[in-house]
Protein backbone atom coordinates (compact mmCIF):
# COMPACT_ATOMS: atom_id res chain seq x y z
CA UNK A 1 0.00 0.00 0.00
CA UNK A 2 1.49 3.31 -1.08
CA UNK A 3 0.74 6.50 0.78
CA UNK A 4 1.54 9.97 -0.40
CA UNK A 5 3.88 12.15 1.63
CA UNK A 6 2.28 14.81 3.78
CA UNK A 7 1.78 18.20 2.14
CA UNK A 8 4.72 20.55 2.33
CA UNK A 9 3.49 23.70 4.08
CA UNK A 10 5.78 26.72 3.88
CA UNK A 11 5.20 30.19 5.27
CA UNK A 12 7.17 32.94 3.54
CA UNK A 13 7.92 35.82 5.89
CA UNK A 14 10.37 38.67 6.35
CA UNK A 15 11.71 40.49 9.39
CA UNK A 16 9.58 43.43 10.47
CA UNK A 17 6.45 42.12 8.74
CA UNK A 18 3.50 43.09 10.94
CA UNK A 19 1.20 40.41 9.47
CA UNK A 20 3.70 37.56 9.84
CA UNK A 21 3.07 36.88 13.53
CA UNK A 22 -0.65 36.36 12.92
CA UNK A 23 0.16 34.16 9.91
CA UNK A 24 2.54 32.03 12.01
CA UNK A 25 -0.18 31.44 14.60
CA UNK A 26 -2.76 30.61 11.91
CA UNK A 27 -0.52 28.15 10.06
CA UNK A 28 0.55 26.56 13.33
CA UNK A 29 -3.05 26.12 14.52
CA UNK A 30 -4.17 24.51 11.26
CA UNK A 31 -1.17 22.23 10.79
CA UNK A 32 -1.14 21.18 14.46
CA UNK A 33 -4.82 20.25 14.31
CA UNK A 34 -4.11 18.08 11.25
CA UNK A 35 -0.92 16.56 12.65
CA UNK A 36 1.29 18.21 10.03
CA UNK A 37 4.53 20.13 10.18
CA UNK A 38 5.44 23.35 8.42
CA UNK A 39 8.47 25.51 7.77
CA UNK A 40 9.12 29.22 7.73
CA UNK A 41 11.34 30.82 5.09
CA UNK A 42 12.68 34.39 5.16
CA UNK A 43 12.14 35.67 1.59
CA UNK A 44 14.92 38.22 2.03
CA UNK A 45 17.41 35.31 2.15
CA UNK A 46 16.39 34.25 -1.39
CA UNK A 47 16.44 36.97 -4.07
CA UNK A 48 14.08 35.05 -6.38
CA UNK A 49 11.48 34.53 -3.63
CA UNK A 50 11.82 38.18 -2.62
CA UNK A 51 11.25 39.26 -6.23
CA UNK A 52 8.23 36.98 -6.77
CA UNK A 53 6.50 37.74 -3.46
CA UNK A 54 7.73 41.26 -2.69
CA UNK A 55 4.32 42.74 -1.85
CA UNK A 56 2.46 39.60 -0.75
CA UNK A 57 4.21 38.75 2.50
CA UNK A 58 3.31 36.62 4.36
CA UNK A 59 2.51 33.89 1.83
CA UNK A 60 1.54 30.32 2.61
CA UNK A 61 2.60 27.69 0.07
CA UNK A 62 1.22 24.17 -0.11
CA UNK A 63 3.49 21.87 -2.09
CA UNK A 64 5.17 24.96 -3.52
CA UNK A 65 1.94 26.57 -4.74
CA UNK A 66 0.93 29.95 -3.25
CA UNK A 67 -2.42 29.47 -1.54
CA UNK A 68 -2.96 32.58 0.56
CA UNK A 69 -1.20 35.83 1.40
CA UNK A 70 -1.38 38.74 3.84
CA UNK A 71 -4.11 37.27 6.05
CA UNK A 72 -4.24 33.49 6.19
CA UNK A 73 -7.75 32.03 5.98
CA UNK A 74 -7.55 29.12 8.43
CA UNK A 75 -10.69 27.39 7.17
CA UNK A 76 -9.49 27.54 3.58
CA UNK A 77 -6.01 26.28 4.49
CA UNK A 78 -7.44 23.38 6.50
CA UNK A 79 -9.74 22.46 3.59
CA UNK A 80 -6.85 22.59 1.11
CA UNK A 81 -4.71 20.36 3.31
CA UNK A 82 -7.51 17.84 3.99
CA UNK A 83 -8.61 17.67 0.35
CA UNK A 84 -5.13 17.41 -1.13
CA UNK A 85 -5.15 14.62 -3.70
CA UNK A 86 -3.16 11.49 -2.93
CA UNK A 87 0.12 11.27 -4.81
PDB file of N, CA and C in Angstrom:
ATOM      1  N   UNK A   1       0.854  -1.185   0.000  1.00  0.00           N
ATOM      2  CA  UNK A   1       0.000   0.000   0.000  1.00  0.00           C
ATOM      3  C   UNK A   1       0.891   1.236   0.000  1.00  0.00           C
ATOM      4  N   UNK A   2       0.677   2.103  -0.951  1.00  0.00           N
ATOM      5  CA  UNK A   2       1.487   3.311  -1.076  1.00  0.00           C
ATOM      6  C   UNK A   2       0.709   4.495  -0.523  1.00  0.00           C
ATOM      7  N   UNK A   3       1.388   5.288   0.276  1.00  0.00           N
ATOM      8  CA  UNK A   3       0.736   6.497   0.785  1.00  0.00           C
ATOM      9  C   UNK A   3       1.550   7.695   0.333  1.00  0.00           C
ATOM     10  N   UNK A   4       0.847   8.766   0.063  1.00  0.00           N
ATOM     11  CA  UNK A   4       1.538   9.966  -0.401  1.00  0.00           C
ATOM     12  C   UNK A   4       2.173  10.669   0.794  1.00  0.00           C
ATOM     13  N   UNK A   5       3.261  11.388   0.542  1.00  0.00           N
ATOM     14  CA  UNK A   5       3.877  12.147   1.634  1.00  0.00           C
ATOM     15  C   UNK A   5       2.936  13.255   2.098  1.00  0.00           C
ATOM     16  N   UNK A   6       3.123  13.712   3.315  1.00  0.00           N
ATOM     17  CA  UNK A   6       2.275  14.810   3.781  1.00  0.00           C
ATOM     18  C   UNK A   6       2.532  16.062   2.948  1.00  0.00           C
ATOM     19  N   UNK A   7       1.565  16.956   2.893  1.00  0.00           N
ATOM     20  CA  UNK A   7       1.775  18.196   2.140  1.00  0.00           C
ATOM     21  C   UNK A   7       2.909  19.007   2.749  1.00  0.00           C
ATOM     22  N   UNK A   8       3.654  19.655   1.883  1.00  0.00           N
ATOM     23  CA  UNK A   8       4.720  20.551   2.333  1.00  0.00           C
ATOM     24  C   UNK A   8       4.112  21.938   2.521  1.00  0.00           C
ATOM     25  N   UNK A   9       4.069  22.391   3.756  1.00  0.00           N
ATOM     26  CA  UNK A   9       3.489  23.698   4.081  1.00  0.00           C
ATOM     27  C   UNK A   9       4.636  24.638   4.426  1.00  0.00           C
ATOM     28  N   UNK A  10       4.715  25.737   3.688  1.00  0.00           N
ATOM     29  CA  UNK A  10       5.785  26.716   3.881  1.00  0.00           C
ATOM     30  C   UNK A  10       5.167  28.093   4.045  1.00  0.00           C
ATOM     31  N   UNK A  11       5.634  28.816   5.045  1.00  0.00           N
ATOM     32  CA  UNK A  11       5.201  30.187   5.268  1.00  0.00           C
ATOM     33  C   UNK A  11       6.359  31.109   4.932  1.00  0.00           C
ATOM     34  N   UNK A  12       6.163  31.954   3.930  1.00  0.00           N
ATOM     35  CA  UNK A  12       7.174  32.937   3.543  1.00  0.00           C
ATOM     36  C   UNK A  12       6.954  34.211   4.355  1.00  0.00           C
ATOM     37  N   UNK A  13       8.000  34.643   5.031  1.00  0.00           N
ATOM     38  CA  UNK A  13       7.919  35.821   5.891  1.00  0.00           C
ATOM     39  C   UNK A  13       9.136  36.706   5.647  1.00  0.00           C
ATOM     40  N   UNK A  14       9.171  37.820   6.342  1.00  0.00           N
ATOM     41  CA  UNK A  14      10.375  38.671   6.350  1.00  0.00           C
ATOM     42  C   UNK A  14      10.405  39.399   7.689  1.00  0.00           C
ATOM     43  N   UNK A  15      11.595  39.750   8.140  1.00  0.00           N
ATOM     44  CA  UNK A  15      11.713  40.492   9.390  1.00  0.00           C
ATOM     45  C   UNK A  15      10.948  41.817   9.306  1.00  0.00           C
ATOM     46  N   UNK A  16      10.307  42.163  10.394  1.00  0.00           N
ATOM     47  CA  UNK A  16       9.581  43.426  10.467  1.00  0.00           C
ATOM     48  C   UNK A  16       8.200  43.401   9.850  1.00  0.00           C
ATOM     49  N   UNK A  17       7.777  42.259   9.363  1.00  0.00           N
ATOM     50  CA  UNK A  17       6.450  42.118   8.743  1.00  0.00           C
ATOM     51  C   UNK A  17       5.394  42.062   9.843  1.00  0.00           C
ATOM     52  N   UNK A  18       4.495  43.036   9.853  1.00  0.00           N
ATOM     53  CA  UNK A  18       3.505  43.092  10.943  1.00  0.00           C
ATOM     54  C   UNK A  18       2.407  42.039  10.815  1.00  0.00           C
ATOM     55  N   UNK A  19       2.215  41.447   9.636  1.00  0.00           N
ATOM     56  CA  UNK A  19       1.201  40.407   9.470  1.00  0.00           C
ATOM     57  C   UNK A  19       1.757  39.003   9.718  1.00  0.00           C
ATOM     58  N   UNK A  20       3.078  38.886   9.763  1.00  0.00           N
ATOM     59  CA  UNK A  20       3.698  37.563   9.842  1.00  0.00           C
ATOM     60  C   UNK A  20       3.405  36.834  11.150  1.00  0.00           C
ATOM     61  N   UNK A  21       3.339  37.543  12.248  1.00  0.00           N
ATOM     62  CA  UNK A  21       3.068  36.881  13.533  1.00  0.00           C
ATOM     63  C   UNK A  21       1.685  36.235  13.527  1.00  0.00           C
ATOM     64  N   UNK A  22       0.688  36.943  13.031  1.00  0.00           N
ATOM     65  CA  UNK A  22      -0.655  36.359  12.922  1.00  0.00           C
ATOM     66  C   UNK A  22      -0.639  35.153  11.985  1.00  0.00           C
ATOM     67  N   UNK A  23       0.086  35.268  10.876  1.00  0.00           N
ATOM     68  CA  UNK A  23       0.158  34.164   9.913  1.00  0.00           C
ATOM     69  C   UNK A  23       0.819  32.944  10.544  1.00  0.00           C
ATOM     70  N   UNK A  24       1.872  33.156  11.325  1.00  0.00           N
ATOM     71  CA  UNK A  24       2.543  32.031  12.014  1.00  0.00           C
ATOM     72  C   UNK A  24       1.551  31.296  12.913  1.00  0.00           C
ATOM     73  N   UNK A  25       0.795  32.072  13.685  1.00  0.00           N
ATOM     74  CA  UNK A  25      -0.175  31.443  14.596  1.00  0.00           C
ATOM     75  C   UNK A  25      -1.234  30.681  13.814  1.00  0.00           C
ATOM     76  N   UNK A  26      -1.725  31.264  12.718  1.00  0.00           N
ATOM     77  CA  UNK A  26      -2.759  30.606  11.908  1.00  0.00           C
ATOM     78  C   UNK A  26      -2.242  29.306  11.304  1.00  0.00           C
ATOM     79  N   UNK A  27      -1.085  29.360  10.679  1.00  0.00           N
ATOM     80  CA  UNK A  27      -0.521  28.155  10.059  1.00  0.00           C
ATOM     81  C   UNK A  27      -0.248  27.099  11.120  1.00  0.00           C
ATOM     82  N   UNK A  28       0.273  27.511  12.269  1.00  0.00           N
ATOM     83  CA  UNK A  28       0.554  26.558  13.334  1.00  0.00           C
ATOM     84  C   UNK A  28      -0.720  25.911  13.862  1.00  0.00           C
ATOM     85  N   UNK A  29      -1.776  26.691  14.037  1.00  0.00           N
ATOM     86  CA  UNK A  29      -3.048  26.122  14.521  1.00  0.00           C
ATOM     87  C   UNK A  29      -3.583  25.072  13.551  1.00  0.00           C
ATOM     88  N   UNK A  30      -3.603  25.420  12.266  1.00  0.00           N
ATOM     89  CA  UNK A  30      -4.169  24.509  11.264  1.00  0.00           C
ATOM     90  C   UNK A  30      -3.325  23.241  11.134  1.00  0.00           C
ATOM     91  N   UNK A  31      -2.015  23.407  10.990  1.00  0.00           N
ATOM     92  CA  UNK A  31      -1.169  22.226  10.794  1.00  0.00           C
ATOM     93  C   UNK A  31      -1.143  21.353  12.045  1.00  0.00           C
ATOM     94  N   UNK A  32      -1.129  21.961  13.215  1.00  0.00           N
ATOM     95  CA  UNK A  32      -1.144  21.177  14.461  1.00  0.00           C
ATOM     96  C   UNK A  32      -2.420  20.355  14.569  1.00  0.00           C
ATOM     97  N   UNK A  33      -3.547  20.958  14.236  1.00  0.00           N
ATOM     98  CA  UNK A  33      -4.824  20.251  14.309  1.00  0.00           C
ATOM     99  C   UNK A  33      -4.867  19.061  13.348  1.00  0.00           C
ATOM    100  N   UNK A  34      -4.128  19.157  12.249  1.00  0.00           N
ATOM    101  CA  UNK A  34      -4.110  18.081  11.249  1.00  0.00           C
ATOM    102  C   UNK A  34      -2.910  17.148  11.403  1.00  0.00           C
ATOM    103  N   UNK A  35      -2.086  17.403  12.414  1.00  0.00           N
ATOM    104  CA  UNK A  35      -0.923  16.558  12.648  1.00  0.00           C
ATOM    105  C   UNK A  35       0.176  16.729  11.605  1.00  0.00           C
ATOM    106  N   UNK A  36       0.300  17.936  11.065  1.00  0.00           N
ATOM    107  CA  UNK A  36       1.287  18.215  10.025  1.00  0.00           C
ATOM    108  C   UNK A  36       2.347  19.184  10.534  1.00  0.00           C
ATOM    109  N   UNK A  37       3.481  19.171   9.884  1.00  0.00           N
ATOM    110  CA  UNK A  37       4.529  20.132  10.177  1.00  0.00           C
ATOM    111  C   UNK A  37       4.501  21.252   9.146  1.00  0.00           C
ATOM    112  N   UNK A  38       5.321  22.253   9.370  1.00  0.00           N
ATOM    113  CA  UNK A  38       5.444  23.354   8.422  1.00  0.00           C
ATOM    114  C   UNK A  38       6.792  24.003   8.630  1.00  0.00           C
ATOM    115  N   UNK A  39       7.209  24.791   7.647  1.00  0.00           N
ATOM    116  CA  UNK A  39       8.475  25.506   7.773  1.00  0.00           C
ATOM    117  C   UNK A  39       8.268  26.974   7.445  1.00  0.00           C
ATOM    118  N   UNK A  40       9.146  27.780   7.995  1.00  0.00           N
ATOM    119  CA  UNK A  40       9.121  29.219   7.726  1.00  0.00           C
ATOM    120  C   UNK A  40      10.383  29.582   6.954  1.00  0.00           C
ATOM    121  N   UNK A  41      10.217  30.396   5.922  1.00  0.00           N
ATOM    122  CA  UNK A  41      11.343  30.823   5.090  1.00  0.00           C
ATOM    123  C   UNK A  41      11.336  32.348   5.014  1.00  0.00           C
ATOM    124  N   UNK A  42      12.500  32.939   5.275  1.00  0.00           N
ATOM    125  CA  UNK A  42      12.680  34.389   5.156  1.00  0.00           C
ATOM    126  C   UNK A  42      12.930  34.706   3.680  1.00  0.00           C
ATOM    127  N   UNK A  43      11.993  35.389   3.028  1.00  0.00           N
ATOM    128  CA  UNK A  43      12.138  35.673   1.593  1.00  0.00           C
ATOM    129  C   UNK A  43      13.347  36.549   1.304  1.00  0.00           C
ATOM    130  N   UNK A  44      13.779  37.347   2.263  1.00  0.00           N
ATOM    131  CA  UNK A  44      14.915  38.216   2.028  1.00  0.00           C
ATOM    132  C   UNK A  44      16.217  37.426   1.882  1.00  0.00           C
ATOM    133  N   UNK A  45      16.226  36.158   2.287  1.00  0.00           N
ATOM    134  CA  UNK A  45      17.408  35.306   2.145  1.00  0.00           C
ATOM    135  C   UNK A  45      17.483  34.671   0.754  1.00  0.00           C
ATOM    136  N   UNK A  46      16.436  34.835  -0.054  1.00  0.00           N
ATOM    137  CA  UNK A  46      16.392  34.251  -1.394  1.00  0.00           C
ATOM    138  C   UNK A  46      15.915  35.316  -2.374  1.00  0.00           C
ATOM    139  N   UNK A  47      16.814  35.870  -3.172  1.00  0.00           N
ATOM    140  CA  UNK A  47      16.437  36.967  -4.070  1.00  0.00           C
ATOM    141  C   UNK A  47      15.270  36.639  -5.003  1.00  0.00           C
ATOM    142  N   UNK A  48      15.180  35.411  -5.481  1.00  0.00           N
ATOM    143  CA  UNK A  48      14.083  35.047  -6.380  1.00  0.00           C
ATOM    144  C   UNK A  48      12.745  35.050  -5.639  1.00  0.00           C
ATOM    145  N   UNK A  49      12.709  34.488  -4.435  1.00  0.00           N
ATOM    146  CA  UNK A  49      11.480  34.532  -3.632  1.00  0.00           C
ATOM    147  C   UNK A  49      11.097  35.967  -3.305  1.00  0.00           C
ATOM    148  N   UNK A  50      12.082  36.772  -2.953  1.00  0.00           N
ATOM    149  CA  UNK A  50      11.816  38.181  -2.623  1.00  0.00           C
ATOM    150  C   UNK A  50      11.229  38.903  -3.834  1.00  0.00           C
ATOM    151  N   UNK A  51      11.753  38.612  -5.015  1.00  0.00           N
ATOM    152  CA  UNK A  51      11.248  39.255  -6.229  1.00  0.00           C
ATOM    153  C   UNK A  51       9.811  38.812  -6.523  1.00  0.00           C
ATOM    154  N   UNK A  52       9.559  37.504  -6.431  1.00  0.00           N
ATOM    155  CA  UNK A  52       8.229  36.977  -6.768  1.00  0.00           C
ATOM    156  C   UNK A  52       7.153  37.382  -5.765  1.00  0.00           C
ATOM    157  N   UNK A  53       7.511  37.519  -4.507  1.00  0.00           N
ATOM    158  CA  UNK A  53       6.499  37.736  -3.462  1.00  0.00           C
ATOM    159  C   UNK A  53       6.708  39.054  -2.712  1.00  0.00           C
ATOM    160  N   UNK A  54       7.329  40.008  -3.354  1.00  0.00           N
ATOM    161  CA  UNK A  54       7.731  41.255  -2.693  1.00  0.00           C
ATOM    162  C   UNK A  54       6.612  41.926  -1.909  1.00  0.00           C
ATOM    163  N   UNK A  55       5.425  42.011  -2.481  1.00  0.00           N
ATOM    164  CA  UNK A  55       4.324  42.741  -1.846  1.00  0.00           C
ATOM    165  C   UNK A  55       3.253  41.837  -1.255  1.00  0.00           C
ATOM    166  N   UNK A  56       3.492  40.547  -1.211  1.00  0.00           N
ATOM    167  CA  UNK A  56       2.464  39.603  -0.752  1.00  0.00           C
ATOM    168  C   UNK A  56       2.838  38.894   0.541  1.00  0.00           C
ATOM    169  N   UNK A  57       3.741  39.426   1.297  1.00  0.00           N
ATOM    170  CA  UNK A  57       4.209  38.748   2.498  1.00  0.00           C
ATOM    171  C   UNK A  57       3.253  39.004   3.649  1.00  0.00           C
ATOM    172  N   UNK A  58       2.913  38.020   4.439  1.00  0.00           N
ATOM    173  CA  UNK A  58       3.312  36.617   4.359  1.00  0.00           C
ATOM    174  C   UNK A  58       2.534  35.861   3.276  1.00  0.00           C
ATOM    175  N   UNK A  59       3.138  34.770   2.818  1.00  0.00           N
ATOM    176  CA  UNK A  59       2.512  33.885   1.829  1.00  0.00           C
ATOM    177  C   UNK A  59       2.589  32.473   2.372  1.00  0.00           C
ATOM    178  N   UNK A  60       1.493  31.733   2.264  1.00  0.00           N
ATOM    179  CA  UNK A  60       1.543  30.317   2.612  1.00  0.00           C
ATOM    180  C   UNK A  60       1.534  29.517   1.305  1.00  0.00           C
ATOM    181  N   UNK A  61       2.489  28.582   1.222  1.00  0.00           N
ATOM    182  CA  UNK A  61       2.599  27.691   0.070  1.00  0.00           C
ATOM    183  C   UNK A  61       2.236  26.286   0.512  1.00  0.00           C
ATOM    184  N   UNK A  62       1.501  25.579  -0.335  1.00  0.00           N
ATOM    185  CA  UNK A  62       1.223  24.165  -0.106  1.00  0.00           C
ATOM    186  C   UNK A  62       1.801  23.431  -1.304  1.00  0.00           C
ATOM    187  N   UNK A  63       2.778  22.580  -1.025  1.00  0.00           N
ATOM    188  CA  UNK A  63       3.492  21.866  -2.086  1.00  0.00           C
ATOM    189  C   UNK A  63       4.046  22.833  -3.125  1.00  0.00           C
ATOM    190  N   UNK A  64       4.542  23.979  -2.655  1.00  0.00           N
ATOM    191  CA  UNK A  64       5.173  24.956  -3.523  1.00  0.00           C
ATOM    192  C   UNK A  64       4.239  25.905  -4.246  1.00  0.00           C
ATOM    193  N   UNK A  65       2.932  25.733  -4.060  1.00  0.00           N
ATOM    194  CA  UNK A  65       1.944  26.568  -4.742  1.00  0.00           C
ATOM    195  C   UNK A  65       1.408  27.627  -3.775  1.00  0.00           C
ATOM    196  N   UNK A  66       1.491  28.909  -4.133  1.00  0.00           N
ATOM    197  CA  UNK A  66       0.932  29.948  -3.251  1.00  0.00           C
ATOM    198  C   UNK A  66      -0.577  29.741  -3.077  1.00  0.00           C
ATOM    199  N   UNK A  67      -1.010  29.709  -1.828  1.00  0.00           N
ATOM    200  CA  UNK A  67      -2.424  29.472  -1.539  1.00  0.00           C
ATOM    201  C   UNK A  67      -3.112  30.616  -0.828  1.00  0.00           C
ATOM    202  N   UNK A  68      -2.367  31.456  -0.155  1.00  0.00           N
ATOM    203  CA  UNK A  68      -2.957  32.585   0.563  1.00  0.00           C
ATOM    204  C   UNK A  68      -1.844  33.571   0.879  1.00  0.00           C
ATOM    205  N   UNK A  69      -2.192  34.836   1.004  1.00  0.00           N
ATOM    206  CA  UNK A  69      -1.200  35.826   1.399  1.00  0.00           C
ATOM    207  C   UNK A  69      -1.858  36.914   2.221  1.00  0.00           C
ATOM    208  N   UNK A  70      -1.019  37.703   2.884  1.00  0.00           N
ATOM    209  CA  UNK A  70      -1.384  38.744   3.838  1.00  0.00           C
ATOM    210  C   UNK A  70      -2.098  38.176   5.048  1.00  0.00           C
ATOM    211  N   UNK A  71      -3.351  37.866   4.923  1.00  0.00           N
ATOM    212  CA  UNK A  71      -4.106  37.272   6.047  1.00  0.00           C
ATOM    213  C   UNK A  71      -4.459  35.846   5.664  1.00  0.00           C
ATOM    214  N   UNK A  72      -4.038  34.903   6.491  1.00  0.00           N
ATOM    215  CA  UNK A  72      -4.242  33.490   6.188  1.00  0.00           C
ATOM    216  C   UNK A  72      -5.641  33.075   6.632  1.00  0.00           C
ATOM    217  N   UNK A  73      -6.411  32.529   5.693  1.00  0.00           N
ATOM    218  CA  UNK A  73      -7.752  32.033   5.982  1.00  0.00           C
ATOM    219  C   UNK A  73      -7.604  30.598   6.503  1.00  0.00           C
ATOM    220  N   UNK A  74      -7.780  30.428   7.811  1.00  0.00           N
ATOM    221  CA  UNK A  74      -7.551  29.124   8.432  1.00  0.00           C
ATOM    222  C   UNK A  74      -8.491  28.047   7.904  1.00  0.00           C
ATOM    223  N   UNK A  75      -9.739  28.377   7.691  1.00  0.00           N
ATOM    224  CA  UNK A  75     -10.688  27.387   7.166  1.00  0.00           C
ATOM    225  C   UNK A  75     -10.284  26.924   5.777  1.00  0.00           C
ATOM    226  N   UNK A  76      -9.905  27.873   4.944  1.00  0.00           N
ATOM    227  CA  UNK A  76      -9.492  27.541   3.578  1.00  0.00           C
ATOM    228  C   UNK A  76      -8.227  26.686   3.585  1.00  0.00           C
ATOM    229  N   UNK A  77      -7.248  27.057   4.410  1.00  0.00           N
ATOM    230  CA  UNK A  77      -6.014  26.283   4.488  1.00  0.00           C
ATOM    231  C   UNK A  77      -6.289  24.865   4.973  1.00  0.00           C
ATOM    232  N   UNK A  78      -7.107  24.722   6.000  1.00  0.00           N
ATOM    233  CA  UNK A  78      -7.445  23.381   6.499  1.00  0.00           C
ATOM    234  C   UNK A  78      -8.124  22.555   5.410  1.00  0.00           C
ATOM    235  N   UNK A  79      -9.039  23.175   4.683  1.00  0.00           N
ATOM    236  CA  UNK A  79      -9.735  22.460   3.591  1.00  0.00           C
ATOM    237  C   UNK A  79      -8.746  22.033   2.523  1.00  0.00           C
ATOM    238  N   UNK A  80      -7.852  22.927   2.126  1.00  0.00           N
ATOM    239  CA  UNK A  80      -6.853  22.586   1.114  1.00  0.00           C
ATOM    240  C   UNK A  80      -5.977  21.420   1.556  1.00  0.00           C
ATOM    241  N   UNK A  81      -5.589  21.423   2.816  1.00  0.00           N
ATOM    242  CA  UNK A  81      -4.709  20.357   3.310  1.00  0.00           C
ATOM    243  C   UNK A  81      -5.456  19.030   3.445  1.00  0.00           C
ATOM    244  N   UNK A  82      -6.719  19.084   3.860  1.00  0.00           N
ATOM    245  CA  UNK A  82      -7.507  17.840   3.990  1.00  0.00           C
ATOM    246  C   UNK A  82      -7.864  17.257   2.627  1.00  0.00           C
ATOM    247  N   UNK A  83      -8.126  18.129   1.655  1.00  0.00           N
ATOM    248  CA  UNK A  83      -8.606  17.675   0.350  1.00  0.00           C
ATOM    249  C   UNK A  83      -7.483  17.442  -0.658  1.00  0.00           C
ATOM    250  N   UNK A  84      -6.260  17.592  -0.230  1.00  0.00           N
ATOM    251  CA  UNK A  84      -5.128  17.408  -1.130  1.00  0.00           C
ATOM    252  C   UNK A  84      -5.176  16.010  -1.735  1.00  0.00           C
ATOM    253  N   UNK A  85      -5.078  15.936  -3.073  1.00  0.00           N
ATOM    254  CA  UNK A  85      -5.147  14.616  -3.704  1.00  0.00           C
ATOM    255  C   UNK A  85      -3.974  13.729  -3.302  1.00  0.00           C
ATOM    256  N   UNK A  86      -4.224  12.454  -3.243  1.00  0.00           N
ATOM    257  CA  UNK A  86      -3.160  11.485  -2.929  1.00  0.00           C
ATOM    258  C   UNK A  86      -2.186  11.433  -4.094  1.00  0.00           C
ATOM    259  N   UNK A  87      -0.915  11.260  -3.782  1.00  0.00           N
ATOM    260  CA  UNK A  87       0.122  11.266  -4.808  1.00  0.00           C
ATOM    261  C   UNK A  87       0.309  10.007  -5.534  1.00  0.00           C
TER     262      UNK A  87
END
